[in-house]
Amino acid sequence: MLTSIDRIMIYAVLCIISFSTIMLTSHHATGLFSMGGLLAAIVGLWVEISNKTQLEQQKK
C-alpha cells in the first residue's frame, strides 16, 4: 500500500512530465493527453494535500 507521501510524489512527477510535454511541443501540436495528464495531476495533488491536512486535524 502506498503512503500519502508516495502518492504525492507520483502526482508531482506526472505533473512535471505533463508540463514538460506541453512546453516542449509546438503550440499547434499540444495534445489532449498531455493536458489531461496535467489536469489529473493537479486534481490528484489537491485531493491528497487536502486529505492530509484533514487527517492531521483529526489526529489532534
C-alpha atoms as a PDB file:
ATOM      1  CA  MET A   1       0.000   0.000   0.000  1.00  0.00           C
ATOM      2  CA  LEU A   2       1.292   3.431  -0.894  1.00  0.00           C
ATOM      3  CA  THR A   3       1.668   6.090   1.738  1.00  0.00           C
ATOM      4  CA  SER A   4       0.457   9.641   1.281  1.00  0.00           C
ATOM      5  CA  ILE A   5       3.971  10.887   0.532  1.00  0.00           C
ATOM      6  CA  ASP A   6       4.382   8.215  -2.169  1.00  0.00           C
ATOM      7  CA  ARG A   7       1.145   9.238  -3.856  1.00  0.00           C
ATOM      8  CA  ILE A   8       2.098  12.930  -3.701  1.00  0.00           C
ATOM      9  CA  MET A   9       5.460  12.145  -5.311  1.00  0.00           C
ATOM     10  CA  ILE A  10       3.783  10.166  -8.103  1.00  0.00           C
ATOM     11  CA  TYR A  11       1.393  13.037  -8.833  1.00  0.00           C
ATOM     12  CA  ALA A  12       4.257  15.543  -8.746  1.00  0.00           C
ATOM     13  CA  VAL A  13       6.293  13.511 -11.255  1.00  0.00           C
ATOM     14  CA  LEU A  14       3.240  13.168 -13.512  1.00  0.00           C
ATOM     15  CA  CYS A  15       2.723  16.928 -13.287  1.00  0.00           C
ATOM     16  CA  ILE A  16       6.349  17.621 -14.252  1.00  0.00           C
ATOM     17  CA  ILE A  17       6.237  15.190 -17.185  1.00  0.00           C
ATOM     18  CA  SER A  18       2.957  16.595 -18.484  1.00  0.00           C
ATOM     19  CA  PHE A  19       4.094  20.193 -18.122  1.00  0.00           C
ATOM     20  CA  SER A  20       7.374  19.413 -19.889  1.00  0.00           C
ATOM     21  CA  THR A  21       5.496  17.742 -22.727  1.00  0.00           C
ATOM     22  CA  ILE A  22       3.275  20.781 -23.129  1.00  0.00           C
ATOM     23  CA  MET A  23       6.221  23.196 -23.081  1.00  0.00           C
ATOM     24  CA  LEU A  24       8.423  21.194 -25.478  1.00  0.00           C
ATOM     25  CA  THR A  25       5.819  20.665 -28.203  1.00  0.00           C
ATOM     26  CA  SER A  26       4.725  23.318 -30.645  1.00  0.00           C
ATOM     27  CA  HIS A  27       1.689  25.420 -29.867  1.00  0.00           C
ATOM     28  CA  HIS A  28      -0.444  23.740 -32.529  1.00  0.00           C
ATOM     29  CA  ALA A  29       0.574  20.182 -31.599  1.00  0.00           C
ATOM     30  CA  THR A  30      -0.391  20.291 -27.926  1.00  0.00           C
ATOM     31  CA  GLY A  31      -2.269  17.072 -27.352  1.00  0.00           C
ATOM     32  CA  LEU A  32      -5.319  16.320 -25.298  1.00  0.00           C
ATOM     33  CA  PHE A  33      -3.424  13.560 -23.487  1.00  0.00           C
ATOM     34  CA  SER A  34      -0.798  15.920 -22.064  1.00  0.00           C
ATOM     35  CA  MET A  35      -3.436  18.461 -20.999  1.00  0.00           C
ATOM     36  CA  GLY A  36      -5.471  15.685 -19.380  1.00  0.00           C
ATOM     37  CA  GLY A  37      -2.388  14.389 -17.586  1.00  0.00           C
ATOM     38  CA  LEU A  38      -1.617  17.839 -16.217  1.00  0.00           C
ATOM     39  CA  LEU A  39      -5.201  18.333 -15.076  1.00  0.00           C
ATOM     40  CA  ALA A  40      -5.295  14.875 -13.459  1.00  0.00           C
ATOM     41  CA  ALA A  41      -2.014  15.534 -11.652  1.00  0.00           C
ATOM     42  CA  ILE A  42      -3.232  18.881 -10.326  1.00  0.00           C
ATOM     43  CA  VAL A  43      -6.503  17.369  -9.112  1.00  0.00           C
ATOM     44  CA  GLY A  44      -4.670  14.416  -7.564  1.00  0.00           C
ATOM     45  CA  LEU A  45      -2.237  16.685  -5.734  1.00  0.00           C
ATOM     46  CA  TRP A  46      -5.085  18.853  -4.486  1.00  0.00           C
ATOM     47  CA  VAL A  47      -7.030  15.847  -3.192  1.00  0.00           C
ATOM     48  CA  GLU A  48      -4.001  14.304  -1.477  1.00  0.00           C
ATOM     49  CA  ILE A  49      -2.943  17.560   0.166  1.00  0.00           C
ATOM     50  CA  SER A  50      -6.464  18.420   1.323  1.00  0.00           C
ATOM     51  CA  ASN A  51      -6.971  14.912   2.753  1.00  0.00           C
ATOM     52  CA  LYS A  52      -3.622  15.050   4.515  1.00  0.00           C
ATOM     53  CA  THR A  53      -4.493  18.272   6.354  1.00  0.00           C
ATOM     54  CA  GLN A  54      -7.882  16.835   7.354  1.00  0.00           C
ATOM     55  CA  LEU A  55      -6.215  13.695   8.722  1.00  0.00           C
ATOM     56  CA  GLU A  56      -3.696  15.748  10.706  1.00  0.00           C
ATOM     57  CA  GLN A  57      -6.520  17.828  12.217  1.00  0.00           C
ATOM     58  CA  GLN A  58      -8.431  14.682  13.194  1.00  0.00           C
ATOM     59  CA  LYS A  59      -5.388  13.234  14.997  1.00  0.00           C
ATOM     60  CA  LYS A  60      -5.100  16.281  17.250  1.00  0.00           C
END
